[in-house]
Protein backbone atom coordinates (compact mmCIF):
# COMPACT_ATOMS: atom_id res chain seq x y z
CA UNK A 1 0.00 0.00 0.00
CA UNK A 2 1.08 3.57 -0.68
CA UNK A 3 1.93 5.21 2.63
CA UNK A 4 0.14 8.55 3.31
CA UNK A 5 2.39 11.54 3.89
CA UNK A 6 1.58 13.69 6.89
CA UNK A 7 2.82 15.43 10.01
CA UNK A 8 2.66 12.26 12.10
CA UNK A 9 4.04 12.50 15.63
CA UNK A 10 6.03 9.90 17.49
CA UNK A 11 3.53 7.42 18.95
CA UNK A 12 5.09 7.73 22.43
CA UNK A 13 4.32 11.47 22.47
CA UNK A 14 0.79 10.86 21.24
CA UNK A 15 0.17 8.30 23.98
CA UNK A 16 1.57 10.64 26.62
CA UNK A 17 -0.96 13.32 25.63
CA UNK A 18 -3.88 10.91 25.25
CA UNK A 19 -3.47 9.14 28.58
CA UNK A 20 -3.61 12.41 30.51
CA UNK A 21 -7.37 12.12 30.02
CA UNK A 22 -8.21 8.74 28.45
CA UNK A 23 -7.94 5.21 29.86
CA UNK A 24 -6.84 1.89 28.42
CA UNK A 25 -10.07 -0.04 27.77
CA UNK A 26 -10.51 -3.81 28.10
CA UNK A 27 -10.79 -6.29 25.25
CA UNK A 28 -13.15 -9.18 25.96
CA UNK A 29 -13.51 -12.39 23.97
CA UNK A 30 -17.03 -13.77 23.52
CA UNK A 31 -18.12 -16.55 21.14
CA UNK A 32 -14.88 -16.27 19.21
CA UNK A 33 -15.09 -12.51 18.76
CA UNK A 34 -12.83 -9.97 20.45
CA UNK A 35 -14.70 -6.90 21.65
CA UNK A 36 -12.69 -3.71 22.21
CA UNK A 37 -14.84 -1.93 24.78
CA UNK A 38 -14.57 1.79 24.13
CA UNK A 39 -18.05 2.13 25.62
CA UNK A 40 -16.10 1.96 28.92
CA UNK A 41 -13.88 4.85 27.88
CA UNK A 42 -14.03 8.24 29.64
CA UNK A 43 -17.26 9.99 28.48
CA UNK A 44 -18.46 6.67 27.03
CA UNK A 45 -16.71 6.68 23.63
CA UNK A 46 -13.35 6.65 21.85
CA UNK A 47 -13.61 10.35 21.03
CA UNK A 48 -11.68 11.51 24.10
CA UNK A 49 -8.49 10.10 22.56
CA UNK A 50 -8.43 12.46 19.59
CA UNK A 51 -9.53 15.47 21.63
CA UNK A 52 -6.85 14.81 24.26
CA UNK A 53 -4.14 14.59 21.62
CA UNK A 54 -5.28 17.75 19.82
CA UNK A 55 -5.73 19.92 22.91
CA UNK A 56 -2.61 18.57 24.57
CA UNK A 57 -0.51 19.40 21.52
CA UNK A 58 -1.97 22.89 21.01
CA UNK A 59 -2.61 23.80 24.66
CA UNK A 60 -0.19 26.74 24.71
CA UNK A 61 -1.88 28.37 21.70
CA UNK A 62 -5.45 28.19 23.06
CA UNK A 63 -6.39 31.44 24.76
CA UNK A 64 -10.13 32.08 24.77
CA UNK A 65 -11.66 28.62 24.44
CA UNK A 66 -12.65 25.93 21.94
CA UNK A 67 -15.58 25.06 19.69
CA UNK A 68 -16.61 22.05 17.63
CA UNK A 69 -19.46 20.52 15.65
CA UNK A 70 -20.53 17.09 16.85
CA UNK A 71 -23.35 14.55 16.81
CA UNK A 72 -22.69 14.15 20.53
CA UNK A 73 -19.75 11.92 21.46
CA UNK A 74 -17.00 14.21 20.17
CA UNK A 75 -18.77 17.10 21.85
CA UNK A 76 -18.86 15.26 25.16
CA UNK A 77 -15.16 14.50 24.84
CA UNK A 78 -14.32 18.12 24.07
CA UNK A 79 -16.45 19.35 26.96
CA UNK A 80 -14.75 16.91 29.34
CA UNK A 81 -11.15 17.63 28.33
CA UNK A 82 -11.76 21.39 28.12
CA UNK A 83 -13.27 21.33 31.61
CA UNK A 84 -10.24 19.45 32.95
CA UNK A 85 -7.97 22.02 31.30
CA UNK A 86 -9.99 25.00 32.48
CA UNK A 87 -11.10 26.08 28.98
CA UNK A 88 -14.54 27.35 27.91
CA UNK A 89 -16.14 25.11 25.26
CA UNK A 90 -18.99 25.41 22.74
CA UNK A 91 -20.46 22.38 20.97
CA UNK A 92 -22.71 22.62 17.89
CA UNK A 93 -25.00 19.57 17.94
CA UNK A 94 -27.66 18.34 15.47
CA UNK A 95 -31.20 19.58 15.94
CA UNK A 96 -32.27 16.02 16.76
CA UNK A 97 -29.39 15.34 19.18
CA UNK A 98 -29.98 12.46 21.59
CA UNK A 99 -30.95 13.97 24.97
CA UNK A 100 -28.43 11.85 26.86
CA UNK A 101 -25.60 13.31 24.79
CA UNK A 102 -26.76 16.94 25.13
CA UNK A 103 -27.19 16.53 28.89
CA UNK A 104 -23.68 15.19 29.30
CA UNK A 105 -22.17 18.00 27.22
CA UNK A 106 -23.88 20.47 29.57
CA UNK A 107 -22.77 18.46 32.62
CA UNK A 108 -19.14 19.23 31.81
CA UNK A 109 -19.91 22.95 31.66
CA UNK A 110 -19.95 23.42 27.88
CA UNK A 111 -22.47 25.49 25.92
CA UNK A 112 -24.36 23.48 23.30
CA UNK A 113 -25.96 24.98 20.20
CA UNK A 114 -28.47 22.94 18.10
CA UNK A 115 -27.94 23.45 14.36
CA UNK A 116 -28.82 21.45 11.24
CA UNK A 117 -28.76 17.69 10.85
CA UNK A 118 -25.58 16.83 8.93
CA UNK A 119 -21.97 16.92 10.07
CA UNK A 120 -21.13 19.45 7.37
CA UNK A 121 -23.79 21.88 8.64
CA UNK A 122 -22.48 21.58 12.20
CA UNK A 123 -18.87 22.11 11.15
CA UNK A 124 -19.75 25.25 9.17
CA UNK A 125 -21.67 26.66 12.14
CA UNK A 126 -18.77 25.86 14.49
CA UNK A 127 -16.37 27.70 12.17
CA UNK A 128 -18.66 30.74 12.18
CA UNK A 129 -18.75 30.74 15.99
CA UNK A 130 -14.96 30.37 16.09
CA UNK A 131 -14.60 33.51 13.95
CA UNK A 132 -17.18 35.49 15.92
CA UNK A 133 -15.80 34.65 19.37
CA UNK A 134 -12.12 34.08 18.66
CA UNK A 135 -12.27 30.40 19.66
CA UNK A 136 -10.08 27.54 18.43
CA UNK A 137 -11.99 25.06 16.28
CA UNK A 138 -11.39 21.41 17.20
CA UNK A 139 -12.33 19.25 14.19
CA UNK A 140 -14.48 16.18 14.98
CA UNK A 141 -12.41 13.90 12.74
CA UNK A 142 -10.54 15.52 9.86
CA UNK A 143 -7.20 16.50 11.39
CA UNK A 144 -3.91 14.57 11.76
CA UNK A 145 -3.83 15.11 15.53
CA UNK A 146 -7.40 13.89 15.95
CA UNK A 147 -6.98 10.72 13.92
CA UNK A 148 -3.59 9.89 15.42
CA UNK A 149 -5.07 10.26 18.89
CA UNK A 150 -7.76 7.74 17.91
CA UNK A 151 -4.96 5.50 16.67
CA UNK A 152 -3.89 4.76 20.24
CA UNK A 153 -6.87 2.41 20.28
CA UNK A 154 -5.14 0.37 17.56
CA UNK A 155 -1.96 0.21 19.63
CA UNK A 156 -3.98 -1.14 22.56
CA UNK A 157 -5.54 -3.83 20.36
CA UNK A 158 -2.06 -4.95 19.32
CA UNK A 159 -0.93 -5.10 22.95
CA UNK A 160 -4.02 -7.12 23.92
CA UNK A 161 -4.15 -9.42 20.85
CA UNK A 162 -0.63 -9.39 19.34
CA UNK A 163 -1.58 -11.78 16.50
CA UNK A 164 -4.84 -10.00 15.59
CA UNK A 165 -5.96 -10.98 12.10
CA UNK A 166 -8.95 -8.73 11.36
CA UNK A 167 -10.22 -5.55 13.00
CA UNK A 168 -13.71 -4.21 12.25
CA UNK A 169 -14.15 -0.46 12.81
CA UNK A 170 -17.31 1.70 12.56
CA UNK A 171 -16.97 4.56 10.07
CA UNK A 172 -18.43 8.05 10.05
CA UNK A 173 -16.02 10.81 8.99
CA UNK A 174 -13.18 8.33 9.17
CA UNK A 175 -11.09 9.61 12.08
CA UNK A 176 -11.27 6.37 14.06
CA UNK A 177 -10.58 3.96 11.22
CA UNK A 178 -7.81 6.19 9.81
CA UNK A 179 -6.05 6.33 13.16
CA UNK A 180 -6.44 2.61 13.81
CA UNK A 181 -5.25 1.74 10.29
CA UNK A 182 -2.23 4.03 10.69
CA UNK A 183 -1.27 2.36 13.98
CA UNK A 184 -1.92 -1.21 12.84
CA UNK A 185 -0.23 -0.94 9.46
CA UNK A 186 2.80 0.68 11.11
CA UNK A 187 3.30 -2.15 13.59
CA UNK A 188 1.54 -5.18 12.05
CA UNK A 189 0.86 -4.59 8.34
CA UNK A 190 -0.65 -8.06 7.78
CA UNK A 191 -3.66 -7.26 9.99
CA UNK A 192 -6.78 -6.63 7.91
CA UNK A 193 -8.68 -3.43 8.68
CA UNK A 194 -12.35 -3.40 7.67
CA UNK A 195 -14.50 -0.27 7.69
CA UNK A 196 -18.21 -0.63 8.54
CA UNK A 197 -20.71 1.93 7.22
CA UNK A 198 -24.52 2.18 7.45
CA UNK A 199 -26.03 0.76 4.28
CA UNK A 200 -27.60 4.14 3.40
CA UNK A 201 -24.43 6.18 3.94
CA UNK A 202 -21.60 4.37 2.13
CA UNK A 203 -19.51 7.50 1.57
CA UNK A 204 -16.09 5.80 1.83
CA UNK A 205 -17.12 2.83 -0.31
CA UNK A 206 -18.56 5.18 -2.95
CA UNK A 207 -15.40 7.29 -2.82
CA UNK A 208 -13.16 4.26 -3.26
CA UNK A 209 -15.25 3.19 -6.26
CA UNK A 210 -14.95 6.68 -7.76
CA UNK A 211 -11.26 7.03 -6.94
CA UNK A 212 -11.85 10.36 -5.17
CA UNK A 213 -13.89 11.70 -2.24
CA UNK A 214 -17.58 11.97 -3.12
CA UNK A 215 -20.63 13.05 -1.16
CA UNK A 216 -23.60 10.74 -0.73
CA UNK A 217 -27.15 11.90 0.02
CA UNK A 218 -28.02 12.27 3.69
CA UNK A 219 -30.34 9.58 5.00
CA UNK A 220 -31.81 8.55 8.32
CA UNK A 221 -30.07 5.75 10.24
CA UNK A 222 -30.34 4.42 13.78
CA UNK A 223 -26.57 4.95 14.00
CA UNK A 224 -26.84 8.69 14.72
CA UNK A 225 -23.07 9.00 15.22
CA UNK A 226 -22.31 7.70 11.70
CA UNK A 227 -24.15 10.31 9.63
CA UNK A 228 -21.30 12.10 7.86
CA UNK A 229 -21.97 12.28 4.10
CA UNK A 230 -18.42 12.82 2.76
CA UNK A 231 -14.91 11.66 3.77
CA UNK A 232 -12.57 14.27 5.17
CA UNK A 233 -9.40 15.35 3.39
CA UNK A 234 -7.04 13.72 5.89
CA UNK A 235 -9.20 10.71 6.65
CA UNK A 236 -9.55 9.98 2.93
CA UNK A 237 -5.79 10.30 2.39
CA UNK A 238 -5.11 7.71 5.08
CA UNK A 239 -8.08 5.36 4.87
CA UNK A 240 -8.12 5.07 1.06
CA UNK A 241 -4.55 3.72 1.20
CA UNK A 242 -4.52 1.65 4.39
CA UNK A 243 -8.02 0.17 4.86
CA UNK A 244 -8.39 -3.29 3.32
CA UNK A 245 -12.16 -3.50 2.84
CA UNK A 246 -15.43 -1.59 3.26
CA UNK A 247 -18.69 -3.30 4.21
CA UNK A 248 -22.19 -2.11 5.04
CA UNK A 249 -24.72 -3.06 7.71
CA UNK A 250 -28.44 -2.44 7.87
CA UNK A 251 -30.25 -0.72 10.74
CA UNK A 252 -31.78 -4.09 11.63
CA UNK A 253 -28.33 -5.71 11.88
CA UNK A 254 -27.07 -2.83 14.01
CA UNK A 255 -30.00 -3.04 16.42
CA UNK A 256 -29.61 -6.80 16.69
CA UNK A 257 -25.95 -6.28 17.61
CA UNK A 258 -27.06 -3.86 20.35
CA UNK A 259 -29.44 -6.55 21.69
CA UNK A 260 -26.81 -9.27 21.52
CA UNK A 261 -24.22 -7.17 23.30
CA UNK A 262 -26.64 -6.25 26.08
CA UNK A 263 -28.39 -9.59 26.64
CA UNK A 264 -25.54 -12.02 25.92
CA UNK A 265 -22.30 -10.15 26.66
CA UNK A 266 -23.76 -7.77 29.28
CA UNK A 267 -22.30 -4.77 27.43
CA UNK A 268 -24.31 -1.60 26.72
CA UNK A 269 -23.57 -0.04 23.33
CA UNK A 270 -25.25 2.69 21.31
CA UNK A 271 -26.21 1.80 17.73
CA UNK A 272 -23.18 3.59 16.24
CA UNK A 273 -20.97 1.72 18.69
CA UNK A 274 -22.42 -1.65 17.70
CA UNK A 275 -22.07 -1.34 13.90
CA UNK A 276 -18.67 -3.06 13.74
CA UNK A 277 -19.96 -5.89 15.93
CA UNK A 278 -22.86 -6.39 13.52
CA UNK A 279 -20.50 -6.82 10.57
CA UNK A 280 -18.05 -9.05 12.45
CA UNK A 281 -20.80 -11.40 13.67
CA UNK A 282 -22.17 -11.68 10.13
CA UNK A 283 -18.94 -11.92 8.12
CA UNK A 284 -16.22 -13.29 10.40
CA UNK A 285 -12.71 -12.81 9.03
CA UNK A 286 -9.11 -13.86 9.38
CA UNK A 287 -8.81 -14.77 13.09
CA UNK A 288 -8.37 -13.54 15.69
CA UNK A 289 -11.21 -11.14 14.87
CA UNK A 290 -11.73 -7.94 16.87
CA UNK A 291 -14.65 -5.52 16.61
CA UNK A 292 -14.48 -2.02 18.09
CA UNK A 293 -17.45 -1.20 20.34
CA UNK A 294 -16.90 2.51 19.84
CA UNK A 295 -19.47 4.01 22.22
CA UNK A 296 -22.12 3.31 24.84
CA UNK A 297 -24.10 6.55 25.07
CA UNK A 298 -27.58 5.21 24.34
CA UNK A 299 -30.80 6.73 25.64
CA UNK A 300 -32.49 4.40 28.17
CA UNK A 301 -35.80 4.70 26.27
CA UNK A 302 -34.13 3.63 23.02
CA UNK A 303 -32.42 0.70 24.73
CA UNK A 304 -35.74 -0.42 26.20
CA UNK A 305 -37.34 -0.42 22.75
CA UNK A 306 -34.41 -2.32 21.22
CA UNK A 307 -34.49 -5.00 23.92
CA UNK A 308 -38.16 -5.71 23.30
CA UNK A 309 -37.06 -7.91 20.36
CA UNK A 310 -34.95 -11.07 20.96
CA UNK A 311 -31.39 -11.07 19.60
CA UNK A 312 -30.43 -13.43 16.77
CA UNK A 313 -27.66 -16.01 17.37
CA UNK A 314 -24.17 -15.24 16.13
CA UNK A 315 -22.44 -17.17 13.36
CA UNK A 316 -19.19 -17.02 15.36
CA UNK A 317 -18.32 -19.58 17.97
CA UNK A 318 -15.21 -20.03 20.10
């Protein structure tokens, strides 16, 4: 594979910044599938890794505060790290933001502003607020420091499963899968990295087919954290070269993965966080297989509705 050029930092420095605020999460094996439990991460998702790396690296240059656009998890992470660093924070969230995510953003002392429904609309609004108030914009995914911070998750997978064969990763703007692919291909290039997208929002798959970043129409999905319609500049540069395959899962498969995780594994995941599990249970892969459970911030009412239907058995067995 062609290696992407970029201002990549030494991984030791990245880890030093990330672990000021993030924790090493466990990796459980169940029915032959490894589950990387980022739902147990600080603020309930992997997002704190990228935020910690970005703010830690640029801390001296931040004077008046920070702003971002987020479907919820990145915003929670920014609010948390900014609070720990004593910085004001503003988070632009979608108009239909999940209440649990908005409440937790406010809990960390950040201001949240509802705006639009797509990631692109939120990012544009965040940039306008940054100009108006003199704040530093913290991108939700499309920045080398963000994606390399997420890559520390890949380093943990390698430490926990040194011979890992296949890693399934949920995909939105691509920050998580780009960071994981960068870490894995640096240290164990034979590991297969598989990106998992909602069936109605296959923006990376469509871009790979076209040979360039393309935008797909916005559509509704239960995976509210995976609703970006176009790859980012940096995430495309990395993921298009280092990711081995792109697959899609339906809303029904995602919700069944949420049920299975909760009723069988005793793990609570939000739909976006369960997408990779859905694909891994269906498709398998070169073993050992690991799926990233990227977040656990699900509304109790939604979880209750999901659990009203029995989970389907997995095709994997250990």
